[in-house]
Amino acid sequence: EIEARVLNPGFIARMTQQRPFVRLKMAMSLDGRT
């Protein structure tokens, strides 16, 4: 079940929490600058 849930985090969030699964992507330098 755990592996199955990992496949669909967004579908599960939308069905159970009425909002999307939010994934934040950031690119940075080694000193934390964007």
Full PDB file with SEQRES, HELIX, SHEET, SSBOND, CRYST1, ORIGX, SCALE, CONECT and MASTER records, all heavy atoms in Angstrom:
SEQRES   1 A   34  GLU ILE GLU ALA ARG VAL LEU ASN PRO GLY PHE ILE ALA          
SEQRES   2 A   34  ARG MET THR GLN GLN ARG PRO PHE VAL ARG LEU LYS MET          
SEQRES   3 A   34  ALA MET SER LEU ASP GLY ARG THR                              
HELIX    1 AA1 ILE A    2  LEU A    7  1                                   6    
HELIX    2 AA2 PRO A    9  GLN A   17  1                                   9    
CRYST1    1.000    1.000    1.000  90.00  90.00  90.00 P 1           1          
ORIGX1      1.000000  0.000000  0.000000        0.00000                         
ORIGX2      0.000000  1.000000  0.000000        0.00000                         
ORIGX3      0.000000  0.000000  1.000000        0.00000                         
SCALE1      1.000000  0.000000  0.000000        0.00000                         
SCALE2      0.000000  1.000000  0.000000        0.00000                         
SCALE3      0.000000  0.000000  1.000000        0.00000                         
ATOM      1  N   GLU A   1       0.817  -1.217   0.000  1.00  0.00           N  
ATOM      2  CA  GLU A   1       0.000   0.000   0.000  1.00  0.00           C  
ATOM      3  C   GLU A   1       0.851   1.267   0.000  1.00  0.00           C  
ATOM      4  O   GLU A   1       0.521   2.244  -0.681  1.00  0.00           O  
ATOM      5  CB  GLU A   1      -0.935   0.008   1.205  1.00  0.00           C  
ATOM      6  CG  GLU A   1      -1.808   1.260   1.262  1.00  0.00           C  
ATOM      7  CD  GLU A   1      -2.789   1.256   2.410  1.00  0.00           C  
ATOM      8  OE1 GLU A   1      -2.827   0.251   3.160  1.00  0.00           O  
ATOM      9  OE2 GLU A   1      -3.514   2.248   2.570  1.00  0.00           O  
ATOM     10  N   ILE A   2       1.928   1.278   0.761  1.00  0.00           N  
ATOM     11  CA  ILE A   2       2.768   2.478   0.813  1.00  0.00           C  
ATOM     12  C   ILE A   2       3.300   2.810  -0.572  1.00  0.00           C  
ATOM     13  O   ILE A   2       3.268   3.973  -1.010  1.00  0.00           O  
ATOM     14  CB  ILE A   2       3.921   2.280   1.816  1.00  0.00           C  
ATOM     15  CG1 ILE A   2       3.374   2.185   3.244  1.00  0.00           C  
ATOM     16  CG2 ILE A   2       4.925   3.428   1.714  1.00  0.00           C  
ATOM     17  CD1 ILE A   2       4.425   1.864   4.290  1.00  0.00           C  
ATOM     18  N   GLU A   3       3.783   1.801  -1.283  1.00  0.00           N  
ATOM     19  CA  GLU A   3       4.307   2.018  -2.635  1.00  0.00           C  
ATOM     20  C   GLU A   3       3.209   2.510  -3.576  1.00  0.00           C  
ATOM     21  O   GLU A   3       3.452   3.355  -4.451  1.00  0.00           O  
ATOM     22  CB  GLU A   3       4.916   0.725  -3.167  1.00  0.00           C  
ATOM     23  CG  GLU A   3       6.196   0.303  -2.466  1.00  0.00           C  
ATOM     24  CD  GLU A   3       5.967  -0.459  -1.163  1.00  0.00           C  
ATOM     25  OE1 GLU A   3       4.805  -0.506  -0.686  1.00  0.00           O  
ATOM     26  OE2 GLU A   3       6.943  -1.011  -0.636  1.00  0.00           O  
ATOM     27  N   ALA A   4       2.005   1.994  -3.387  1.00  0.00           N  
ATOM     28  CA  ALA A   4       0.889   2.430  -4.235  1.00  0.00           C  
ATOM     29  C   ALA A   4       0.522   3.884  -3.957  1.00  0.00           C  
ATOM     30  O   ALA A   4       0.190   4.638  -4.885  1.00  0.00           O  
ATOM     31  CB  ALA A   4      -0.314   1.522  -4.007  1.00  0.00           C  
ATOM     32  N   ARG A   5       0.570   4.289  -2.709  1.00  0.00           N  
ATOM     33  CA  ARG A   5       0.231   5.665  -2.368  1.00  0.00           C  
ATOM     34  C   ARG A   5       1.259   6.644  -2.934  1.00  0.00           C  
ATOM     35  O   ARG A   5       0.904   7.763  -3.325  1.00  0.00           O  
ATOM     36  CB  ARG A   5       0.115   5.821  -0.844  1.00  0.00           C  
ATOM     37  CG  ARG A   5      -1.030   5.029  -0.231  1.00  0.00           C  
ATOM     38  CD  ARG A   5      -1.106   5.219   1.283  1.00  0.00           C  
ATOM     39  NE  ARG A   5      -1.571   6.557   1.605  1.00  0.00           N  
ATOM     40  CZ  ARG A   5      -2.852   6.903   1.713  1.00  0.00           C  
ATOM     41  NH1 ARG A   5      -3.811   6.007   1.502  1.00  0.00           N  
ATOM     42  NH2 ARG A   5      -3.186   8.130   2.031  1.00  0.00           N  
ATOM     43  N   VAL A   6       2.522   6.235  -2.971  1.00  0.00           N  
ATOM     44  CA  VAL A   6       3.571   7.095  -3.518  1.00  0.00           C  
ATOM     45  C   VAL A   6       3.304   7.414  -4.993  1.00  0.00           C  
ATOM     46  O   VAL A   6       3.667   8.486  -5.479  1.00  0.00           O  
ATOM     47  CB  VAL A   6       4.949   6.419  -3.341  1.00  0.00           C  
ATOM     48  CG1 VAL A   6       6.028   7.127  -4.160  1.00  0.00           C  
ATOM     49  CG2 VAL A   6       5.337   6.401  -1.871  1.00  0.00           C  
ATOM     50  N   LEU A   7       2.650   6.517  -5.692  1.00  0.00           N  
ATOM     51  CA  LEU A   7       2.345   6.725  -7.112  1.00  0.00           C  
ATOM     52  C   LEU A   7       1.398   7.894  -7.343  1.00  0.00           C  
ATOM     53  O   LEU A   7       1.457   8.550  -8.384  1.00  0.00           O  
ATOM     54  CB  LEU A   7       1.702   5.463  -7.701  1.00  0.00           C  
ATOM     55  CG  LEU A   7       2.597   4.393  -8.284  1.00  0.00           C  
ATOM     56  CD1 LEU A   7       1.756   3.180  -8.652  1.00  0.00           C  
ATOM     57  CD2 LEU A   7       3.342   4.919  -9.500  1.00  0.00           C  
ATOM     58  N   ASN A   8       0.500   8.145  -6.383  1.00  0.00           N  
ATOM     59  CA  ASN A   8      -0.584   9.097  -6.615  1.00  0.00           C  
ATOM     60  C   ASN A   8      -0.767  10.089  -5.466  1.00  0.00           C  
ATOM     61  O   ASN A   8      -1.874  10.235  -4.937  1.00  0.00           O  
ATOM     62  CB  ASN A   8      -1.902   8.336  -6.847  1.00  0.00           C  
ATOM     63  CG  ASN A   8      -1.897   7.544  -8.127  1.00  0.00           C  
ATOM     64  OD1 ASN A   8      -1.800   8.107  -9.213  1.00  0.00           O  
ATOM     65  ND2 ASN A   8      -2.009   6.222  -8.005  1.00  0.00           N  
ATOM     66  N   PRO A   9       0.287  10.822  -5.081  1.00  0.00           N  
ATOM     67  CA  PRO A   9       0.135  11.746  -3.949  1.00  0.00           C  
ATOM     68  C   PRO A   9      -0.875  12.853  -4.222  1.00  0.00           C  
ATOM     69  O   PRO A   9      -1.591  13.281  -3.317  1.00  0.00           O  
ATOM     70  CB  PRO A   9       1.545  12.307  -3.763  1.00  0.00           C  
ATOM     71  CG  PRO A   9       2.180  12.180  -5.113  1.00  0.00           C  
ATOM     72  CD  PRO A   9       1.633  10.898  -5.670  1.00  0.00           C  
ATOM     73  N   GLY A  10      -0.933  13.306  -5.466  1.00  0.00           N  
ATOM     74  CA  GLY A  10      -1.842  14.392  -5.799  1.00  0.00           C  
ATOM     75  C   GLY A  10      -3.295  13.957  -5.823  1.00  0.00           C  
ATOM     76  O   GLY A  10      -4.172  14.663  -5.318  1.00  0.00           O  
ATOM     77  N   PHE A  11      -3.567  12.814  -6.408  1.00  0.00           N  
ATOM     78  CA  PHE A  11      -4.940  12.304  -6.448  1.00  0.00           C  
ATOM     79  C   PHE A  11      -5.445  12.071  -5.030  1.00  0.00           C  
ATOM     80  O   PHE A  11      -6.584  12.413  -4.691  1.00  0.00           O  
ATOM     81  CB  PHE A  11      -4.994  11.013  -7.259  1.00  0.00           C  
ATOM     82  CG  PHE A  11      -6.374  10.432  -7.403  1.00  0.00           C  
ATOM     83  CD1 PHE A  11      -7.298  11.006  -8.262  1.00  0.00           C  
ATOM     84  CD2 PHE A  11      -6.750   9.311  -6.673  1.00  0.00           C  
ATOM     85  CE1 PHE A  11      -8.577  10.479  -8.387  1.00  0.00           C  
ATOM     86  CE2 PHE A  11      -8.017   8.770  -6.794  1.00  0.00           C  
ATOM     87  CZ  PHE A  11      -8.933   9.358  -7.660  1.00  0.00           C  
ATOM     88  N   ILE A  12      -4.584  11.517  -4.178  1.00  0.00           N  
ATOM     89  CA  ILE A  12      -4.979  11.270  -2.790  1.00  0.00           C  
ATOM     90  C   ILE A  12      -5.248  12.590  -2.066  1.00  0.00           C  
ATOM     91  O   ILE A  12      -6.240  12.730  -1.339  1.00  0.00           O  
ATOM     92  CB  ILE A  12      -3.893  10.458  -2.065  1.00  0.00           C  
ATOM     93  CG1 ILE A  12      -3.791   9.057  -2.674  1.00  0.00           C  
ATOM     94  CG2 ILE A  12      -4.180  10.376  -0.565  1.00  0.00           C  
ATOM     95  CD1 ILE A  12      -2.598   8.258  -2.186  1.00  0.00           C  
ATOM     96  N   ALA A  13      -4.376  13.592  -2.262  1.00  0.00           N  
ATOM     97  CA  ALA A  13      -4.568  14.891  -1.605  1.00  0.00           C  
ATOM     98  C   ALA A  13      -5.867  15.548  -2.063  1.00  0.00           C  
ATOM     99  O   ALA A  13      -6.605  16.114  -1.248  1.00  0.00           O  
ATOM    100  CB  ALA A  13      -3.377  15.806  -1.891  1.00  0.00           C  
ATOM    101  N   ARG A  14      -6.134  15.483  -3.367  1.00  0.00           N  
ATOM    102  CA  ARG A  14      -7.353  16.119  -3.883  1.00  0.00           C  
ATOM    103  C   ARG A  14      -8.601  15.433  -3.345  1.00  0.00           C  
ATOM    104  O   ARG A  14      -9.604  16.092  -3.039  1.00  0.00           O  
ATOM    105  CB  ARG A  14      -7.342  16.107  -5.415  1.00  0.00           C  
ATOM    106  CG  ARG A  14      -8.570  16.757  -6.038  1.00  0.00           C  
ATOM    107  CD  ARG A  14      -8.343  17.121  -7.490  1.00  0.00           C  
ATOM    108  NE  ARG A  14      -8.157  15.968  -8.343  1.00  0.00           N  
ATOM    109  CZ  ARG A  14      -9.143  15.301  -8.965  1.00  0.00           C  
ATOM    110  NH1 ARG A  14     -10.406  15.674  -8.779  1.00  0.00           N  
ATOM    111  NH2 ARG A  14      -8.875  14.277  -9.755  1.00  0.00           N  
ATOM    112  N   MET A  15      -8.570  14.112  -3.217  1.00  0.00           N  
ATOM    113  CA  MET A  15      -9.738  13.380  -2.736  1.00  0.00           C  
ATOM    114  C   MET A  15      -9.952  13.534  -1.236  1.00  0.00           C  
ATOM    115  O   MET A  15     -11.088  13.578  -0.760  1.00  0.00           O  
ATOM    116  CB  MET A  15      -9.587  11.895  -3.076  1.00  0.00           C  
ATOM    117  CG  MET A  15      -9.667  11.560  -4.557  1.00  0.00           C  
ATOM    118  SD  MET A  15     -11.275  11.953  -5.307  1.00  0.00           S  
ATOM    119  CE  MET A  15     -10.828  13.357  -6.323  1.00  0.00           C  
ATOM    120  N   THR A  16      -8.870  13.604  -0.475  1.00  0.00           N  
ATOM    121  CA  THR A  16      -8.999  13.591   0.987  1.00  0.00           C  
ATOM    122  C   THR A  16      -8.872  14.960   1.636  1.00  0.00           C  
ATOM    123  O   THR A  16      -9.423  15.188   2.723  1.00  0.00           O  
ATOM    124  CB  THR A  16      -7.941  12.655   1.603  1.00  0.00           C  
ATOM    125  OG1 THR A  16      -6.631  13.138   1.277  1.00  0.00           O  
ATOM    126  CG2 THR A  16      -8.114  11.233   1.088  1.00  0.00           C  
ATOM    127  N   GLN A  17      -8.135  15.884   0.985  1.00  0.00           N  
ATOM    128  CA  GLN A  17      -7.922  17.205   1.570  1.00  0.00           C  
ATOM    129  C   GLN A  17      -8.501  18.336   0.730  1.00  0.00           C  
ATOM    130  O   GLN A  17      -8.423  19.503   1.112  1.00  0.00           O  
ATOM    131  CB  GLN A  17      -6.422  17.454   1.760  1.00  0.00           C  
ATOM    132  CG  GLN A  17      -5.735  16.441   2.646  1.00  0.00           C  
ATOM    133  CD  GLN A  17      -4.241  16.704   2.750  1.00  0.00           C  
ATOM    134  OE1 GLN A  17      -3.807  17.811   3.093  1.00  0.00           O  
ATOM    135  NE2 GLN A  17      -3.435  15.703   2.439  1.00  0.00           N  
ATOM    136  N   GLN A  18      -9.049  17.994  -0.423  1.00  0.00           N  
ATOM    137  CA  GLN A  18      -9.634  18.977  -1.342  1.00  0.00           C  
ATOM    138  C   GLN A  18      -8.635  20.053  -1.758  1.00  0.00           C  
ATOM    139  O   GLN A  18      -8.954  21.231  -1.899  1.00  0.00           O  
ATOM    140  CB  GLN A  18     -10.889  19.637  -0.723  1.00  0.00           C  
ATOM    141  CG  GLN A  18     -12.062  18.694  -0.562  1.00  0.00           C  
ATOM    142  CD  GLN A  18     -11.862  17.716   0.593  1.00  0.00           C  
ATOM    143  OE1 GLN A  18     -11.607  18.134   1.729  1.00  0.00           O  
ATOM    144  NE2 GLN A  18     -11.969  16.424   0.335  1.00  0.00           N  
ATOM    145  N   ARG A  19      -7.402  19.631  -1.947  1.00  0.00           N  
ATOM    146  CA  ARG A  19      -6.382  20.530  -2.474  1.00  0.00           C  
ATOM    147  C   ARG A  19      -5.287  19.680  -3.118  1.00  0.00           C  
ATOM    148  O   ARG A  19      -5.191  18.474  -2.874  1.00  0.00           O  
ATOM    149  CB  ARG A  19      -5.833  21.446  -1.387  1.00  0.00           C  
ATOM    150  CG  ARG A  19      -5.158  20.746  -0.208  1.00  0.00           C  
ATOM    151  CD  ARG A  19      -3.671  20.737  -0.404  1.00  0.00           C  
ATOM    152  NE  ARG A  19      -2.910  20.610   0.834  1.00  0.00           N  
ATOM    153  CZ  ARG A  19      -1.590  20.474   0.883  1.00  0.00           C  
ATOM    154  NH1 ARG A  19      -0.895  20.436  -0.237  1.00  0.00           N  
ATOM    155  NH2 ARG A  19      -0.962  20.355   2.031  1.00  0.00           N  
ATOM    156  N   PRO A  20      -4.446  20.270  -3.958  1.00  0.00           N  
ATOM    157  CA  PRO A  20      -3.410  19.481  -4.622  1.00  0.00           C  
ATOM    158  C   PRO A  20      -2.261  19.120  -3.676  1.00  0.00           C  
ATOM    159  O   PRO A  20      -2.093  19.700  -2.608  1.00  0.00           O  
ATOM    160  CB  PRO A  20      -2.902  20.414  -5.739  1.00  0.00           C  
ATOM    161  CG  PRO A  20      -3.851  21.566  -5.781  1.00  0.00           C  
ATOM    162  CD  PRO A  20      -4.462  21.662  -4.428  1.00  0.00           C  
ATOM    163  N   PHE A  21      -1.452  18.158  -4.109  1.00  0.00           N  
ATOM    164  CA  PHE A  21      -0.154  17.908  -3.511  1.00  0.00           C  
ATOM    165  C   PHE A  21       0.788  18.974  -4.067  1.00  0.00           C  
ATOM    166  O   PHE A  21       0.919  19.129  -5.279  1.00  0.00           O  
ATOM    167  CB  PHE A  21       0.337  16.508  -3.892  1.00  0.00           C  
ATOM    168  CG  PHE A  21       1.681  16.144  -3.338  1.00  0.00           C  
ATOM    169  CD1 PHE A  21       1.798  15.515  -2.105  1.00  0.00           C  
ATOM    170  CD2 PHE A  21       2.846  16.402  -4.053  1.00  0.00           C  
ATOM    171  CE1 PHE A  21       3.045  15.161  -1.594  1.00  0.00           C  
ATOM    172  CE2 PHE A  21       4.089  16.051  -3.562  1.00  0.00           C  
ATOM    173  CZ  PHE A  21       4.182  15.425  -2.325  1.00  0.00           C  
ATOM    174  N   VAL A  22       1.438  19.726  -3.188  1.00  0.00           N  
ATOM    175  CA  VAL A  22       2.246  20.875  -3.603  1.00  0.00           C  
ATOM    176  C   VAL A  22       3.725  20.506  -3.547  1.00  0.00           C  
ATOM    177  O   VAL A  22       4.257  20.167  -2.491  1.00  0.00           O  
ATOM    178  CB  VAL A  22       1.958  22.104  -2.715  1.00  0.00           C  
ATOM    179  CG1 VAL A  22       2.864  23.269  -3.115  1.00  0.00           C  
ATOM    180  CG2 VAL A  22       0.489  22.502  -2.829  1.00  0.00           C  
ATOM    181  N   ARG A  23       4.360  20.598  -4.700  1.00  0.00           N  
ATOM    182  CA  ARG A  23       5.793  20.298  -4.821  1.00  0.00           C  
ATOM    183  C   ARG A  23       6.506  21.593  -5.213  1.00  0.00           C  
ATOM    184  O   ARG A  23       6.216  22.184  -6.255  1.00  0.00           O  
ATOM    185  CB  ARG A  23       6.002  19.207  -5.871  1.00  0.00           C  
ATOM    186  CG  ARG A  23       7.447  18.789  -6.076  1.00  0.00           C  
ATOM    187  CD  ARG A  23       7.541  17.670  -7.111  1.00  0.00           C  
ATOM    188  NE  ARG A  23       7.072  16.392  -6.570  1.00  0.00           N  
ATOM    189  CZ  ARG A  23       5.999  15.740  -7.012  1.00  0.00           C  
ATOM    190  NH1 ARG A  23       5.256  16.247  -7.986  1.00  0.00           N  
ATOM    191  NH2 ARG A  23       5.660  14.577  -6.484  1.00  0.00           N  
ATOM    192  N   LEU A  24       7.433  22.039  -4.383  1.00  0.00           N  
ATOM    193  CA  LEU A  24       8.156  23.284  -4.618  1.00  0.00           C  
ATOM    194  C   LEU A  24       9.535  22.968  -5.175  1.00  0.00           C  
ATOM    195  O   LEU A  24      10.323  22.268  -4.539  1.00  0.00           O  
ATOM    196  CB  LEU A  24       8.276  24.073  -3.313  1.00  0.00           C  
ATOM    197  CG  LEU A  24       9.119  25.350  -3.326  1.00  0.00           C  
ATOM    198  CD1 LEU A  24       8.569  26.367  -4.310  1.00  0.00           C  
ATOM    199  CD2 LEU A  24       9.197  25.949  -1.916  1.00  0.00           C  
ATOM    200  N   LYS A  25       9.816  23.485  -6.374  1.00  0.00           N  
ATOM    201  CA  LYS A  25      11.116  23.282  -7.012  1.00  0.00           C  
ATOM    202  C   LYS A  25      11.909  24.569  -6.966  1.00  0.00           C  
ATOM    203  O   LYS A  25      11.419  25.629  -7.322  1.00  0.00           O  
ATOM    204  CB  LYS A  25      10.914  22.837  -8.468  1.00  0.00           C  
ATOM    205  CG  LYS A  25      12.205  22.466  -9.202  1.00  0.00           C  
ATOM    206  CD  LYS A  25      12.999  23.653  -9.755  1.00  0.00           C  
ATOM    207  CE  LYS A  25      12.244  24.465 -10.777  1.00  0.00           C  
ATOM    208  NZ  LYS A  25      13.130  25.582 -11.313  1.00  0.00           N  
ATOM    209  N   MET A  26      13.157  24.486  -6.504  1.00  0.00           N  
ATOM    210  CA  MET A  26      14.035  25.649  -6.482  1.00  0.00           C  
ATOM    211  C   MET A  26      15.422  25.228  -6.952  1.00  0.00           C  
ATOM    212  O   MET A  26      15.874  24.112  -6.692  1.00  0.00           O  
ATOM    213  CB  MET A  26      14.129  26.234  -5.067  1.00  0.00           C  
ATOM    214  CG  MET A  26      12.802  26.647  -4.446  1.00  0.00           C  
ATOM    215  SD  MET A  26      12.050  28.075  -5.234  1.00  0.00           S  
ATOM    216  CE  MET A  26      13.007  29.413  -4.513  1.00  0.00           C  
ATOM    217  N   ALA A  27      16.096  26.125  -7.663  1.00  0.00           N  
ATOM    218  CA  ALA A  27      17.488  25.911  -8.066  1.00  0.00           C  
ATOM    219  C   ALA A  27      18.344  26.956  -7.359  1.00  0.00           C  
ATOM    220  O   ALA A  27      17.974  28.139  -7.303  1.00  0.00           O  
ATOM    221  CB  ALA A  27      17.634  26.031  -9.579  1.00  0.00           C  
ATOM    222  N   MET A  28      19.483  26.534  -6.830  1.00  0.00           N  
ATOM    223  CA  MET A  28      20.293  27.471  -6.059  1.00  0.00           C  
ATOM    224  C   MET A  28      21.774  27.165  -6.208  1.00  0.00           C  
ATOM    225  O   MET A  28      22.182  26.063  -6.598  1.00  0.00           O  
ATOM    226  CB  MET A  28      19.903  27.417  -4.589  1.00  0.00           C  
ATOM    227  CG  MET A  28      20.204  26.105  -3.904  1.00  0.00           C  
ATOM    228  SD  MET A  28      19.760  26.181  -2.143  1.00  0.00           S  
ATOM    229  CE  MET A  28      20.230  24.544  -1.594  1.00  0.00           C  
ATOM    230  N   SER A  29      22.560  28.155  -5.868  1.00  0.00           N  
ATOM    231  CA  SER A  29      24.002  27.985  -5.809  1.00  0.00           C  
ATOM    232  C   SER A  29      24.381  27.329  -4.491  1.00  0.00           C  
ATOM    233  O   SER A  29      23.541  27.160  -3.600  1.00  0.00           O  
ATOM    234  CB  SER A  29      24.685  29.344  -5.930  1.00  0.00           C  
ATOM    235  OG  SER A  29      24.296  30.172  -4.839  1.00  0.00           O  
ATOM    236  N   LEU A  30      25.639  26.996  -4.347  1.00  0.00           N  
ATOM    237  CA  LEU A  30      26.092  26.349  -3.123  1.00  0.00           C  
ATOM    238  C   LEU A  30      25.961  27.276  -1.920  1.00  0.00           C  
ATOM    239  O   LEU A  30      25.848  26.810  -0.779  1.00  0.00           O  
ATOM    240  CB  LEU A  30      27.551  25.894  -3.285  1.00  0.00           C  
ATOM    241  CG  LEU A  30      28.041  24.763  -2.379  1.00  0.00           C  
ATOM    242  CD1 LEU A  30      27.175  23.513  -2.541  1.00  0.00           C  
ATOM    243  CD2 LEU A  30      29.499  24.438  -2.673  1.00  0.00           C  
ATOM    244  N   ASP A  31      25.950  28.577  -2.147  1.00  0.00           N  
ATOM    245  CA  ASP A  31      25.751  29.524  -1.049  1.00  0.00           C  
ATOM    246  C   ASP A  31      24.291  29.966  -0.924  1.00  0.00           C  
ATOM    247  O   ASP A  31      23.989  31.005  -0.340  1.00  0.00           O  
ATOM    248  CB  ASP A  31      26.692  30.732  -1.162  1.00  0.00           C  
ATOM    249  CG  ASP A  31      26.614  31.438  -2.516  1.00  0.00           C  
ATOM    250  OD1 ASP A  31      26.008  30.862  -3.448  1.00  0.00           O  
ATOM    251  OD2 ASP A  31      27.157  32.550  -2.637  1.00  0.00           O  
ATOM    252  N   GLY A  32      23.370  29.165  -1.465  1.00  0.00           N  
ATOM    253  CA  GLY A  32      21.946  29.374  -1.227  1.00  0.00           C  
ATOM    254  C   GLY A  32      21.331  30.537  -1.960  1.00  0.00           C  
ATOM    255  O   GLY A  32      20.346  31.120  -1.491  1.00  0.00           O  
ATOM    256  N   ARG A  33      21.844  30.872  -3.134  1.00  0.00           N  
ATOM    257  CA  ARG A  33      21.313  31.993  -3.904  1.00  0.00           C  
ATOM    258  C   ARG A  33      20.647  31.496  -5.191  1.00  0.00           C  
ATOM    259  O   ARG A  33      21.079  30.504  -5.788  1.00  0.00           O  
ATOM    260  CB  ARG A  33      22.438  32.974  -4.244  1.00  0.00           C  
ATOM    261  CG  ARG A  33      23.157  33.503  -3.007  1.00  0.00           C  
ATOM    262  CD  ARG A  33      22.264  34.422  -2.198  1.00  0.00           C  
ATOM    263  NE  ARG A  33      22.805  34.722  -0.882  1.00  0.00           N  
ATOM    264  CZ  ARG A  33      22.364  35.707  -0.099  1.00  0.00           C  
ATOM    265  NH1 ARG A  33      21.388  36.480  -0.531  1.00  0.00           N  
ATOM    266  NH2 ARG A  33      22.885  35.908   1.080  1.00  0.00           N  
ATOM    267  N   THR A  34      19.607  32.214  -5.618  1.00  0.00           N  
ATOM    268  CA  THR A  34      18.824  31.766  -6.771  1.00  0.00           C  
ATOM    269  C   THR A  34      19.005  32.641  -8.008  1.00  0.00           C  
ATOM    270  O   THR A  34      18.624  32.240  -9.103  1.00  0.00           O  
ATOM    271  CB  THR A  34      17.326  31.742  -6.428  1.00  0.00           C  
ATOM    272  OG1 THR A  34      16.885  33.070  -6.097  1.00  0.00           O  
ATOM    273  CG2 THR A  34      17.063  30.821  -5.255  1.00  0.00           C  
TER     274      THR A  34                                                      
MASTER        0    0    0    2    0    0    0    6  273    1    0    3          
END                                                                             
